[in-house]
Amino acid sequence: MSREAAVKPSPLMIRIASGAVILLVSLAAILSGRWGVNILAILLTGAMLWEFRGLSDRMGARAPSWLLYPLGFYIAFSGTYLKVVPLELVLSIALIGGLMAFLFIPGRREGLGRWAMGTAGALYIGLPMNFYLLLYVSGRHGLAWVVFVILAAVLTDVAALLVGSRIGRTPFFQRISPKKTVEGAIAGVVGAVLVMILGSLITLELPLQHALAIGILVGVGAEVGDLVESQMKRIAEVKDTSNLIPGHGGVLDRFDSILFPAILVYYYATLGGLLQ
């Protein structure tokens, strides 16, 4: 064995190291205050929109940049910094102006599909980011809400992988993701519930029934988000959305399970009067 081969890090070590860096940087940005949160939101939104554009091209209808990026960023900040601009106005412009543009630009025959893909991508990426920001600015525990929702979603992934790989026997959405199992999915939801109970005991001060319900919502939302992105990659016939993160693939590959939980948690907490 050559000296270079002996010191070359394994794929697993690269994956663990880059994952730890991402987690630490993200938590540092969140804990640093509003500016850190905003910068993190801008970077993540931009990276995921860029990856979605490439993915959409492989799925058969490339999302137009002039629609995807402005609409995606607007939606991401529509509930906080851009709420002075009416959502109905922006969506109306995206509807009428977006479809009108394809009457004049080349490729108008594919225009409807490209418009739909651009709008879908903006919603897919922008809405979850919007709800994370809404959670962050809601009440005195806004920071804790964001941190524990993200940690619960991450633990859903980890628990599902560990349990599924060791004792998983029953296929779960096998045609989309062959390695997923029912046992792993159940373990993932249990992991999310435990995180939310811990968060409630530490700072959120939620009644047990609400901690249980939110944990279930996060776990289910995380697994659905993971399956949705896996389905997109299967349609596009790609393994990863990009190679931005060593050992992991793209930003969207790592944050797919974190997207949907924020929406579910925000509405549950708002309707239950928990964001005080």
Foldseek 3Di string as FASTA:
>chain_A
DDPCVVPDDDLVVLQVVLVVVVVVQLLCLLVVDDVSLVVVLVVLLVQQLVLLQVLVVLLPARADPVQQVVLLVCLLCCQPPVVVPPPVVVVVCLVVVQLVVLVPDPPSVSSVVNSVSSVVNSCQRRNLNNLLVVLLPFAPCSSLVNVLLVVLLVQLVVQLVVQLVPPFDAADPCVLPVSGGPRSLVRSLVSLLVSLVVSCVPPLVDDSVLSNVLSNLLSVQLVVLQSVVSNSCVSSVHDASACPGRSQHGSCSVCSSSRRSSVVSSVVCVVVVSRD
